[in-house]
PDB file of N, CA and C in Angstrom:
ATOM      1  N   MET A   1     103.761  49.102 164.532  1.00  0.00           N
ATOM      2  CA  MET A   1     103.498  49.876 163.323  1.00  0.00           C
ATOM      3  C   MET A   1     104.716  49.877 162.404  1.00  0.00           C
ATOM      4  N   LYS A   2     105.916  49.846 163.006  1.00  0.00           N
ATOM      5  CA  LYS A   2     107.127  49.869 162.194  1.00  0.00           C
ATOM      6  C   LYS A   2     107.258  48.611 161.351  1.00  0.00           C
ATOM      7  N   GLN A   3     106.730  47.496 161.826  1.00  0.00           N
ATOM      8  CA  GLN A   3     106.803  46.250 161.073  1.00  0.00           C
ATOM      9  C   GLN A   3     105.607  46.081 160.139  1.00  0.00           C
ATOM     10  N   LEU A   4     104.521  46.752 160.438  1.00  0.00           N
ATOM     11  CA  LEU A   4     103.309  46.605 159.639  1.00  0.00           C
ATOM     12  C   LEU A   4     103.442  47.256 158.265  1.00  0.00           C
ATOM     13  N   ILE A   5     104.040  48.426 158.201  1.00  0.00           N
ATOM     14  CA  ILE A   5     104.139  49.155 156.934  1.00  0.00           C
ATOM     15  C   ILE A   5     104.981  48.400 155.902  1.00  0.00           C
ATOM     16  N   PRO A   6     106.182  47.907 156.252  1.00  0.00           N
ATOM     17  CA  PRO A   6     106.940  47.134 155.248  1.00  0.00           C
ATOM     18  C   PRO A   6     106.236  45.838 154.836  1.00  0.00           C
ATOM     19  N   ALA A   7     105.553  45.193 155.793  1.00  0.00           N
ATOM     20  CA  ALA A   7     104.822  43.973 155.457  1.00  0.00           C
ATOM     21  C   ALA A   7     103.659  44.283 154.517  1.00  0.00           C
ATOM     22  N   LEU A   8     102.952  45.369 154.789  1.00  0.00           N
ATOM     23  CA  LEU A   8     101.842  45.791 153.935  1.00  0.00           C
ATOM     24  C   LEU A   8     102.340  46.111 152.528  1.00  0.00           C
ATOM     25  N   PHE A   9     103.479  46.794 152.452  1.00  0.00           N
ATOM     26  CA  PHE A   9     104.057  47.128 151.151  1.00  0.00           C
ATOM     27  C   PHE A   9     104.462  45.867 150.390  1.00  0.00           C
ATOM     28  N   THR A  10     105.092  44.916 151.070  1.00  0.00           N
ATOM     29  CA  THR A  10     105.549  43.687 150.414  1.00  0.00           C
ATOM     30  C   THR A  10     104.375  42.863 149.898  1.00  0.00           C
ATOM     31  N   VAL A  11     103.376  42.674 150.733  1.00  0.00           N
ATOM     32  CA  VAL A  11     102.195  41.909 150.312  1.00  0.00           C
ATOM     33  C   VAL A  11     101.489  42.621 149.162  1.00  0.00           C
ATOM     34  N   GLY A  12     101.362  43.936 149.265  1.00  0.00           N
ATOM     35  CA  GLY A  12     100.721  44.709 148.201  1.00  0.00           C
ATOM     36  C   GLY A  12     101.481  44.632 146.894  1.00  0.00           C
ATOM     37  N   ALA A  13     102.810  44.722 146.967  1.00  0.00           N
ATOM     38  CA  ALA A  13     103.618  44.652 145.745  1.00  0.00           C
ATOM     39  C   ALA A  13     103.491  43.287 145.078  1.00  0.00           C
ATOM     40  N   LEU A  14     103.459  42.225 145.869  1.00  0.00           N
ATOM     41  CA  LEU A  14     103.276  40.888 145.292  1.00  0.00           C
ATOM     42  C   LEU A  14     101.894  40.743 144.655  1.00  0.00           C
ATOM     43  N   MET A  15     100.883  41.300 145.316  1.00  0.00           N
ATOM     44  CA  MET A  15      99.533  41.236 144.753  1.00  0.00           C
ATOM     45  C   MET A  15      99.433  42.037 143.456  1.00  0.00           C
ATOM     46  N   VAL A  16     100.098  43.191 143.402  1.00  0.00           N
ATOM     47  CA  VAL A  16     100.115  43.999 142.176  1.00  0.00           C
ATOM     48  C   VAL A  16     100.778  43.218 141.048  1.00  0.00           C
ATOM     49  N   LEU A  17     101.899  42.598 141.349  1.00  0.00           N
ATOM     50  CA  LEU A  17     102.616  41.824 140.336  1.00  0.00           C
ATOM     51  C   LEU A  17     101.777  40.661 139.826  1.00  0.00           C
ATOM     52  N   VAL A  18     101.179  39.913 140.732  1.00  0.00           N
ATOM     53  CA  VAL A  18     100.357  38.766 140.329  1.00  0.00           C
ATOM     54  C   VAL A  18      99.122  39.235 139.569  1.00  0.00           C
ATOM     55  N   GLY A  19      98.463  40.269 140.061  1.00  0.00           N
ATOM     56  CA  GLY A  19      97.255  40.769 139.397  1.00  0.00           C
ATOM     57  C   GLY A  19      97.520  41.270 137.993  1.00  0.00           C
ATOM     58  N   ALA A  20      98.631  41.992 137.804  1.00  0.00           N
ATOM     59  CA  ALA A  20      98.960  42.508 136.470  1.00  0.00           C
ATOM     60  C   ALA A  20      99.374  41.378 135.530  1.00  0.00           C
ATOM     61  N   ALA A  21     100.113  40.404 136.045  1.00  0.00           N
ATOM     62  CA  ALA A  21     100.565  39.304 135.194  1.00  0.00           C
ATOM     63  C   ALA A  21      99.414  38.383 134.797  1.00  0.00           C
ATOM     64  N   VAL A  22      98.490  38.150 135.717  1.00  0.00           N
ATOM     65  CA  VAL A  22      97.391  37.223 135.454  1.00  0.00           C
ATOM     66  C   VAL A  22      96.272  37.891 134.656  1.00  0.00           C
ATOM     67  N   TYR A  23      96.229  39.218 134.641  1.00  0.00           N
ATOM     68  CA  TYR A  23      95.183  39.932 133.901  1.00  0.00           C
ATOM     69  C   TYR A  23      95.215  39.585 132.415  1.00  0.00           C
ATOM     70  N   ILE A  24      96.380  39.294 131.914  1.00  0.00           N
ATOM     71  CA  ILE A  24      96.534  38.962 130.493  1.00  0.00           C
ATOM     72  C   ILE A  24      95.759  37.694 130.142  1.00  0.00           C
ATOM     73  N   THR A  25      95.593  36.796 131.102  1.00  0.00           N
ATOM     74  CA  THR A  25      94.870  35.544 130.852  1.00  0.00           C
ATOM     75  C   THR A  25      93.354  35.723 130.914  1.00  0.00           C
ATOM     76  N   LYS A  26      92.903  36.946 131.190  1.00  0.00           N
ATOM     77  CA  LYS A  26      91.471  37.279 131.299  1.00  0.00           C
ATOM     78  C   LYS A  26      90.794  36.602 132.498  1.00  0.00           C
ATOM     79  N   TRP A  27      91.582  36.280 133.522  1.00  0.00           N
ATOM     80  CA  TRP A  27      91.002  35.724 134.735  1.00  0.00           C
ATOM     81  C   TRP A  27      90.179  36.803 135.409  1.00  0.00           C
ATOM     82  N   GLU A  28      88.955  36.496 135.787  1.00  0.00           N
ATOM     83  CA  GLU A  28      88.028  37.518 136.260  1.00  0.00           C
ATOM     84  C   GLU A  28      88.411  38.143 137.603  1.00  0.00           C
ATOM     85  N   TYR A  29      89.227  37.477 138.400  1.00  0.00           N
ATOM     86  CA  TYR A  29      89.607  38.015 139.704  1.00  0.00           C
ATOM     87  C   TYR A  29      90.913  38.802 139.679  1.00  0.00           C
ATOM     88  N   ALA A  30      91.587  38.848 138.553  1.00  0.00           N
ATOM     89  CA  ALA A  30      92.871  39.553 138.451  1.00  0.00           C
ATOM     90  C   ALA A  30      92.755  41.043 138.790  1.00  0.00           C
ATOM     91  N   PRO A  31      91.748  41.768 138.293  1.00  0.00           N
ATOM     92  CA  PRO A  31      91.650  43.187 138.673  1.00  0.00           C
ATOM     93  C   PRO A  31      91.425  43.397 140.170  1.00  0.00           C
ATOM     94  N   TYR A  32      90.707  42.470 140.801  1.00  0.00           N
ATOM     95  CA  TYR A  32      90.481  42.582 142.240  1.00  0.00           C
ATOM     96  C   TYR A  32      91.792  42.413 143.004  1.00  0.00           C
ATOM     97  N   ILE A  33      92.570  41.406 142.624  1.00  0.00           N
ATOM     98  CA  ILE A  33      93.862  41.171 143.274  1.00  0.00           C
ATOM     99  C   ILE A  33      94.765  42.381 143.074  1.00  0.00           C
ATOM    100  N   TYR A  34      94.806  42.883 141.842  1.00  0.00           N
ATOM    101  CA  TYR A  34      95.660  44.032 141.543  1.00  0.00           C
ATOM    102  C   TYR A  34      95.242  45.256 142.357  1.00  0.00           C
ATOM    103  N   THR A  35      93.958  45.566 142.366  1.00  0.00           N
ATOM    104  CA  THR A  35      93.477  46.785 143.021  1.00  0.00           C
ATOM    105  C   THR A  35      93.666  46.734 144.536  1.00  0.00           C
ATOM    106  N   ILE A  36      93.430  45.591 145.134  1.00  0.00           N
ATOM    107  CA  ILE A  36      93.662  45.461 146.575  1.00  0.00           C
ATOM    108  C   ILE A  36      95.149  45.623 146.875  1.00  0.00           C
ATOM    109  N   GLY A  37      95.995  45.013 146.056  1.00  0.00           N
ATOM    110  CA  GLY A  37      97.440  45.165 146.234  1.00  0.00           C
ATOM    111  C   GLY A  37      97.892  46.602 146.053  1.00  0.00           C
ATOM    112  N   ALA A  38      97.337  47.288 145.062  1.00  0.00           N
ATOM    113  CA  ALA A  38      97.684  48.695 144.841  1.00  0.00           C
ATOM    114  C   ALA A  38      97.233  49.552 146.018  1.00  0.00           C
ATOM    115  N   GLY A  39      96.095  49.218 146.587  1.00  0.00           N
ATOM    116  CA  GLY A  39      95.641  49.926 147.784  1.00  0.00           C
ATOM    117  C   GLY A  39      96.584  49.723 148.958  1.00  0.00           C
ATOM    118  N   PHE A  40      97.077  48.493 149.121  1.00  0.00           N
ATOM    119  CA  PHE A  40      98.052  48.218 150.183  1.00  0.00           C
ATOM    120  C   PHE A  40      99.330  49.020 149.972  1.00  0.00           C
ATOM    121  N   VAL A  41      99.812  49.056 148.736  1.00  0.00           N
ATOM    122  CA  VAL A  41     101.034  49.813 148.429  1.00  0.00           C
ATOM    123  C   VAL A  41     100.809  51.296 148.713  1.00  0.00           C
ATOM    124  N   ALA A  42      99.665  51.818 148.295  1.00  0.00           N
ATOM    125  CA  ALA A  42      99.369  53.237 148.528  1.00  0.00           C
ATOM    126  C   ALA A  42      99.279  53.541 150.024  1.00  0.00           C
ATOM    127  N   LEU A  43      98.619  52.680 150.783  1.00  0.00           N
ATOM    128  CA  LEU A  43      98.534  52.890 152.230  1.00  0.00           C
ATOM    129  C   LEU A  43      99.910  52.861 152.879  1.00  0.00           C
ATOM    130  N   ALA A  44     100.741  51.934 152.454  1.00  0.00           N
ATOM    131  CA  ALA A  44     102.088  51.836 153.026  1.00  0.00           C
ATOM    132  C   ALA A  44     102.907  53.081 152.707  1.00  0.00           C
ATOM    133  N   GLN A  45     102.802  53.576 151.490  1.00  0.00           N
ATOM    134  CA  GLN A  45     103.600  54.742 151.123  1.00  0.00           C
ATOM    135  C   GLN A  45     103.076  56.022 151.756  1.00  0.00           C
ATOM    136  N   ILE A  46     101.787  56.140 151.899  1.00  0.00           N
ATOM    137  CA  ILE A  46     101.224  57.328 152.541  1.00  0.00           C
ATOM    138  C   ILE A  46     101.600  57.366 154.021  1.00  0.00           C
ATOM    139  N   ASN A  47     101.647  56.217 154.665  1.00  0.00           N
ATOM    140  CA  ASN A  47     101.943  56.161 156.099  1.00  0.00           C
ATOM    141  C   ASN A  47     103.427  56.060 156.426  1.00  0.00           C
ATOM    142  N   THR A  48     104.288  56.031 155.434  1.00  0.00           N
ATOM    143  CA  THR A  48     105.722  56.019 155.687  1.00  0.00           C
ATOM    144  C   THR A  48     106.158  57.433 156.068  1.00  0.00           C
ATOM    145  N   PRO A  49     106.819  57.588 157.213  1.00  0.00           N
ATOM    146  CA  PRO A  49     107.212  58.945 157.632  1.00  0.00           C
ATOM    147  C   PRO A  49     108.365  59.492 156.795  1.00  0.00           C
ATOM    148  N   VAL A  50     108.402  60.813 156.675  1.00  0.00           N
ATOM    149  CA  VAL A  50     109.490  61.494 155.970  1.00  0.00           C
ATOM    150  C   VAL A  50     110.642  61.651 156.955  1.00  0.00           C
ATOM    151  N   LYS A  51     111.850  61.270 156.534  1.00  0.00           N
ATOM    152  CA  LYS A  51     112.995  61.297 157.444  1.00  0.00           C
ATOM    153  C   LYS A  51     113.751  62.616 157.429  1.00  0.00           C
ATOM    154  N   GLY A  52     113.445  63.492 156.520  1.00  0.00           N
ATOM    155  CA  GLY A  52     114.143  64.772 156.431  1.00  0.00           C
ATOM    156  C   GLY A  52     113.160  65.921 156.372  1.00  0.00           C
ATOM    157  N   LYS A  53     113.692  67.113 156.430  1.00  0.00           N
ATOM    158  CA  LYS A  53     112.839  68.306 156.413  1.00  0.00           C
ATOM    159  C   LYS A  53     113.064  69.183 155.182  1.00  0.00           C
ATOM    160  N   SER A  54     113.857  68.733 154.242  1.00  0.00           N
ATOM    161  CA  SER A  54     114.154  69.576 153.084  1.00  0.00           C
ATOM    162  C   SER A  54     112.960  69.635 152.130  1.00  0.00           C
ATOM    163  N   LYS A  55     112.931  70.697 151.356  1.00  0.00           N
ATOM    164  CA  LYS A  55     111.858  70.873 150.374  1.00  0.00           C
ATOM    165  C   LYS A  55     111.925  69.806 149.289  1.00  0.00           C
ATOM    166  N   ILE A  56     113.119  69.396 148.951  1.00  0.00           N
ATOM    167  CA  ILE A  56     113.284  68.379 147.909  1.00  0.00           C
ATOM    168  C   ILE A  56     112.660  67.060 148.359  1.00  0.00           C
ATOM    169  N   LEU A  57     112.895  66.676 149.616  1.00  0.00           N
ATOM    170  CA  LEU A  57     112.311  65.435 150.129  1.00  0.00           C
ATOM    171  C   LEU A  57     110.787  65.504 150.175  1.00  0.00           C
ATOM    172  N   LYS A  58     110.255  66.649 150.556  1.00  0.00           N
ATOM    173  CA  LYS A  58     108.800  66.797 150.590  1.00  0.00           C
ATOM    174  C   LYS A  58     108.209  66.696 149.185  1.00  0.00           C
ATOM    175  N   ARG A  59     108.882  67.308 148.215  1.00  0.00           N
ATOM    176  CA  ARG A  59     108.419  67.236 146.826  1.00  0.00           C
ATOM    177  C   ARG A  59     108.472  65.799 146.313  1.00  0.00           C
ATOM    178  N   LEU A  60     109.540  65.096 146.634  1.00  0.00           N
ATOM    179  CA  LEU A  60     109.671  63.709 146.196  1.00  0.00           C
ATOM    180  C   LEU A  60     108.618  62.815 146.843  1.00  0.00           C
ATOM    181  N   ARG A  61     108.285  63.068 148.105  1.00  0.00           N
ATOM    182  CA  ARG A  61     107.246  62.281 148.773  1.00  0.00           C
ATOM    183  C   ARG A  61     105.887  62.509 148.112  1.00  0.00           C
ATOM    184  N   ILE A  62     105.614  63.752 147.712  1.00  0.00           N
ATOM    185  CA  ILE A  62     104.355  64.035 147.017  1.00  0.00           C
ATOM    186  C   ILE A  62     104.317  63.292 145.686  1.00  0.00           C
ATOM    187  N   GLN A  63     105.434  63.278 144.969  1.00  0.00           N
ATOM    188  CA  GLN A  63     105.499  62.536 143.711  1.00  0.00           C
ATOM    189  C   GLN A  63     105.312  61.041 143.953  1.00  0.00           C
ATOM    190  N   GLN A  64     105.871  60.536 145.040  1.00  0.00           N
ATOM    191  CA  GLN A  64     105.728  59.121 145.353  1.00  0.00           C
ATOM    192  C   GLN A  64     104.270  58.777 145.652  1.00  0.00           C
ATOM    193  N   ILE A  65     103.585  59.651 146.350  1.00  0.00           N
ATOM    194  CA  ILE A  65     102.170  59.420 146.649  1.00  0.00           C
ATOM    195  C   ILE A  65     101.339  59.487 145.371  1.00  0.00           C
ATOM    196  N   PHE A  66     101.673  60.407 144.458  1.00  0.00           N
ATOM    197  CA  PHE A  66     100.982  60.440 143.161  1.00  0.00           C
ATOM    198  C   PHE A  66     101.206  59.141 142.394  1.00  0.00           C
ATOM    199  N   GLY A  67     102.401  58.597 142.469  1.00  0.00           N
ATOM    200  CA  GLY A  67     102.681  57.313 141.826  1.00  0.00           C
ATOM    201  C   GLY A  67     101.839  56.195 142.415  1.00  0.00           C
ATOM    202  N   ALA A  68     101.683  56.202 143.733  1.00  0.00           N
ATOM    203  CA  ALA A  68     100.861  55.187 144.391  1.00  0.00           C
ATOM    204  C   ALA A  68      99.392  55.340 144.003  1.00  0.00           C
ATOM    205  N   LEU A  69      98.931  56.580 143.909  1.00  0.00           N
ATOM    206  CA  LEU A  69      97.546  56.802 143.484  1.00  0.00           C
ATOM    207  C   LEU A  69      97.343  56.407 142.022  1.00  0.00           C
ATOM    208  N   ALA A  70      98.380  56.565 141.205  1.00  0.00           N
ATOM    209  CA  ALA A  70      98.300  56.116 139.814  1.00  0.00           C
ATOM    210  C   ALA A  70      98.201  54.595 139.740  1.00  0.00           C
ATOM    211  N   LEU A  71      98.822  53.898 140.687  1.00  0.00           N
ATOM    212  CA  LEU A  71      98.668  52.440 140.740  1.00  0.00           C
ATOM    213  C   LEU A  71      97.210  52.064 141.010  1.00  0.00           C
ATOM    214  N   VAL A  72      96.574  52.784 141.921  1.00  0.00           N
ATOM    215  CA  VAL A  72      95.164  52.518 142.220  1.00  0.00           C
ATOM    216  C   VAL A  72      94.294  52.873 141.013  1.00  0.00           C
ATOM    217  N   LEU A  73      94.616  53.971 140.342  1.00  0.00           N
ATOM    218  CA  LEU A  73      93.880  54.364 139.137  1.00  0.00           C
ATOM    219  C   LEU A  73      94.012  53.302 138.044  1.00  0.00           C
ATOM    220  N   THR A  74      95.150  52.653 137.985  1.00  0.00           N
ATOM    221  CA  THR A  74      95.343  51.567 137.026  1.00  0.00           C
ATOM    222  C   THR A  74      94.331  50.452 137.275  1.00  0.00           C
ATOM    223  N   GLY A  75      94.076  50.160 138.543  1.00  0.00           N
ATOM    224  CA  GLY A  75      93.065  49.155 138.875  1.00  0.00           C
ATOM    225  C   GLY A  75      91.685  49.556 138.373  1.00  0.00           C
ATOM    226  N   ALA A  76      91.357  50.838 138.475  1.00  0.00           N
ATOM    227  CA  ALA A  76      90.071  51.313 137.950  1.00  0.00           C
ATOM    228  C   ALA A  76      90.010  51.137 136.438  1.00  0.00           C
ATOM    229  N   PHE A  77      91.120  51.417 135.753  1.00  0.00           N
ATOM    230  CA  PHE A  77      91.157  51.197 134.304  1.00  0.00           C
ATOM    231  C   PHE A  77      90.968  49.723 133.966  1.00  0.00           C
ATOM    232  N   MET A  78      91.515  48.836 134.780  1.00  0.00           N
ATOM    233  CA  MET A  78      91.333  47.398 134.543  1.00  0.00           C
ATOM    234  C   MET A  78      89.858  47.017 134.623  1.00  0.00           C
ATOM    235  N   PHE A  79      89.143  47.617 135.564  1.00  0.00           N
ATOM    236  CA  PHE A  79      87.732  47.291 135.732  1.00  0.00           C
ATOM    237  C   PHE A  79      86.850  47.882 134.638  1.00  0.00           C
ATOM    238  N   PHE A  80      87.091  49.132 134.274  1.00  0.00           N
ATOM    239  CA  PHE A  80      86.115  49.849 133.473  1.00  0.00           C
ATOM    240  C   PHE A  80      86.438  49.978 131.994  1.00  0.00           C
ATOM    241  N   THR A  81      87.689  49.899 131.578  1.00  0.00           N
ATOM    242  CA  THR A  81      87.979  50.089 130.154  1.00  0.00           C
ATOM    243  C   THR A  81      88.104  48.779 129.397  1.00  0.00           C
ATOM    244  N   HIS A  82      88.542  47.725 130.045  1.00  0.00           N
ATOM    245  CA  HIS A  82      88.690  46.392 129.446  1.00  0.00           C
ATOM    246  C   HIS A  82      89.549  46.388 128.193  1.00  0.00           C
ATOM    247  N   GLY A  83      90.369  47.385 128.033  1.00  0.00           N
ATOM    248  CA  GLY A  83      91.318  47.424 126.921  1.00  0.00           C
ATOM    249  C   GLY A  83      92.727  47.410 127.481  1.00  0.00           C
ATOM    250  N   ASN A  84      93.613  48.050 126.763  1.00  0.00           N
ATOM    251  CA  ASN A  84      94.996  48.121 127.217  1.00  0.00           C
ATOM    252  C   ASN A  84      95.357  49.494 127.772  1.00  0.00           C
ATOM    253  N   ASP A  85      94.361  50.307 128.105  1.00  0.00           N
ATOM    254  CA  ASP A  85      94.622  51.637 128.658  1.00  0.00           C
ATOM    255  C   ASP A  85      95.330  51.558 130.005  1.00  0.00           C
ATOM    256  N   TRP A  86      95.071  50.505 130.741  1.00  0.00           N
ATOM    257  CA  TRP A  86      95.675  50.357 132.058  1.00  0.00           C
ATOM    258  C   TRP A  86      97.195  50.244 131.973  1.00  0.00           C
ATOM    259  N   ILE A  87      97.713  49.766 130.859  1.00  0.00           N
ATOM    260  CA  ILE A  87      99.164  49.598 130.712  1.00  0.00           C
ATOM    261  C   ILE A  87      99.859  50.959 130.700  1.00  0.00           C
ATOM    262  N   ALA A  88      99.258  51.947 130.055  1.00  0.00           N
ATOM    263  CA  ALA A  88      99.846  53.291 130.024  1.00  0.00           C
ATOM    264  C   ALA A  88      99.879  53.897 131.427  1.00  0.00           C
ATOM    265  N   CYS A  89      98.800  53.752 132.163  1.00  0.00           N
ATOM    266  CA  CYS A  89      98.742  54.288 133.524  1.00  0.00           C
ATOM    267  C   CYS A  89      99.731  53.555 134.433  1.00  0.00           C
ATOM    268  N   LEU A  90      99.858  52.252 134.256  1.00  0.00           N
ATOM    269  CA  LEU A  90     100.816  51.470 135.039  1.00  0.00           C
ATOM    270  C   LEU A  90     102.247  51.888 134.732  1.00  0.00           C
ATOM    271  N   THR A  91     102.523  52.202 133.483  1.00  0.00           N
ATOM    272  CA  THR A  91     103.863  52.649 133.100  1.00  0.00           C
ATOM    273  C   THR A  91     104.198  53.986 133.756  1.00  0.00           C
ATOM    274  N   ILE A  92     103.248  54.909 133.748  1.00  0.00           N
ATOM    275  CA  ILE A  92     103.461  56.208 134.397  1.00  0.00           C
ATOM    276  C   ILE A  92     103.697  56.019 135.896  1.00  0.00           C
ATOM    277  N   ALA A  93     102.888  55.176 136.523  1.00  0.00           N
ATOM    278  CA  ALA A  93     103.051  54.919 137.955  1.00  0.00           C
ATOM    279  C   ALA A  93     104.407  54.286 138.249  1.00  0.00           C
ATOM    280  N   ALA A  94     104.817  53.349 137.413  1.00  0.00           N
ATOM    281  CA  ALA A  94     106.102  52.677 137.630  1.00  0.00           C
ATOM    282  C   ALA A  94     107.271  53.645 137.487  1.00  0.00           C
ATOM    283  N   ILE A  95     107.194  54.542 136.512  1.00  0.00           N
ATOM    284  CA  ILE A  95     108.270  55.527 136.328  1.00  0.00           C
ATOM    285  C   ILE A  95     108.345  56.465 137.537  1.00  0.00           C
ATOM    286  N   LEU A  96     107.198  56.935 138.014  1.00  0.00           N
ATOM    287  CA  LEU A  96     107.184  57.798 139.200  1.00  0.00           C
ATOM    288  C   LEU A  96     107.742  57.077 140.423  1.00  0.00           C
ATOM    289  N   GLU A  97     107.317  55.847 140.620  1.00  0.00           N
ATOM    290  CA  GLU A  97     107.782  55.082 141.776  1.00  0.00           C
ATOM    291  C   GLU A  97     109.279  54.805 141.698  1.00  0.00           C
ATOM    292  N   LEU A  98     109.754  54.448 140.533  1.00  0.00           N
ATOM    293  CA  LEU A  98     111.177  54.145 140.362  1.00  0.00           C
ATOM    294  C   LEU A  98     112.032  55.387 140.571  1.00  0.00           C
ATOM    295  N   TYR A  99     111.620  56.494 139.980  1.00  0.00           N
ATOM    296  CA  TYR A  99     112.366  57.748 140.122  1.00  0.00           C
ATOM    297  C   TYR A  99     112.439  58.177 141.583  1.00  0.00           C
ATOM    298  N   THR A 100     111.289  58.188 142.254  1.00  0.00           N
ATOM    299  CA  THR A 100     111.282  58.662 143.635  1.00  0.00           C
ATOM    300  C   THR A 100     112.010  57.708 144.574  1.00  0.00           C
ATOM    301  N   ALA A 101     111.988  56.424 144.290  1.00  0.00           N
ATOM    302  CA  ALA A 101     112.689  55.471 145.156  1.00  0.00           C
ATOM    303  C   ALA A 101     114.185  55.762 145.194  1.00  0.00           C
ATOM    304  N   PHE A 102     114.772  56.045 144.044  1.00  0.00           N
ATOM    305  CA  PHE A 102     116.205  56.335 144.000  1.00  0.00           C
ATOM    306  C   PHE A 102     116.523  57.739 144.507  1.00  0.00           C
ATOM    307  N   ARG A 103     115.702  58.702 144.144  1.00  0.00           N
ATOM    308  CA  ARG A 103     115.990  60.089 144.527  1.00  0.00           C
ATOM    309  C   ARG A 103     115.797  60.331 146.027  1.00  0.00           C
ATOM    310  N   ILE A 104     114.791  59.723 146.637  1.00  0.00           N
ATOM    311  CA  ILE A 104     114.589  59.893 148.077  1.00  0.00           C
ATOM    312  C   ILE A 104     115.783  59.327 148.835  1.00  0.00           C
ATOM    313  N   GLN A 105     116.229  58.170 148.430  1.00  0.00           N
ATOM    314  CA  GLN A 105     117.391  57.554 149.068  1.00  0.00           C
ATOM    315  C   GLN A 105     118.631  58.443 148.922  1.00  0.00           C
ATOM    316  N   GLN A 106     118.797  59.029 147.754  1.00  0.00           N
ATOM    317  CA  GLN A 106     119.940  59.904 147.499  1.00  0.00           C
ATOM    318  C   GLN A 106     119.870  61.173 148.356  1.00  0.00           C
ATOM    319  N   GLU A 107     118.698  61.773 148.459  1.00  0.00           N
ATOM    320  CA  GLU A 107     118.543  62.995 149.248  1.00  0.00           C
ATOM    321  C   GLU A 107     118.707  62.733 150.742  1.00  0.00           C
ATOM    322  N   GLU A 108     118.227  61.586 151.210  1.00  0.00           N
ATOM    323  CA  GLU A 108     118.413  61.252 152.620  1.00  0.00           C
ATOM    324  C   GLU A 108     119.889  61.051 152.938  1.00  0.00           C
ATOM    325  N   ALA A 109     120.642  60.495 152.012  1.00  0.00           N
ATOM    326  CA  ALA A 109     122.084  60.312 152.219  1.00  0.00           C
ATOM    327  C   ALA A 109     122.806  61.659 152.244  1.00  0.00           C
ATOM    328  N   LYS A 110     122.340  62.627 151.458  1.00  0.00           N
ATOM    329  CA  LYS A 110     122.943  63.962 151.446  1.00  0.00           C
ATOM    330  C   LYS A 110     122.770  64.670 152.785  1.00  0.00           C
ATOM    331  N   GLU A 111     121.617  64.460 153.423  1.00  0.00           N
ATOM    332  CA  GLU A 111     121.322  65.152 154.676  1.00  0.00           C
ATOM    333  C   GLU A 111     122.136  64.633 155.854  1.00  0.00           C
ATOM    334  N   LYS A 112     122.667  63.436 155.735  1.00  0.00           N
ATOM    335  CA  LYS A 112     123.437  62.859 156.855  1.00  0.00           C
ATOM    336  C   LYS A 112     124.809  63.411 156.953  1.00  0.00           C
TER     337      LYS A 112
END
């Protein structure tokens, strides 16, 4: 299980990147690739254990999970809106993911 979660995250992140980049070309399978990849990323982040017990770490993990769910919501926007609305949702998800990635690492270092 310890090796499965990072592998799932890596494969999912690559699929998200490819799906978002290829969507611009109007390839019909791009939303499927993106959404499956976003699901992999969300599963990996939900199943990653919390290494600390502080309230700040728990809050950051909740924000990280919201970011992962926003990635999945972006896939729904790709399927149903067919406009550029998905870009706004992807931007929000990326900001949440980026913020929590740095802050979780910082808080875990403080606890040591």
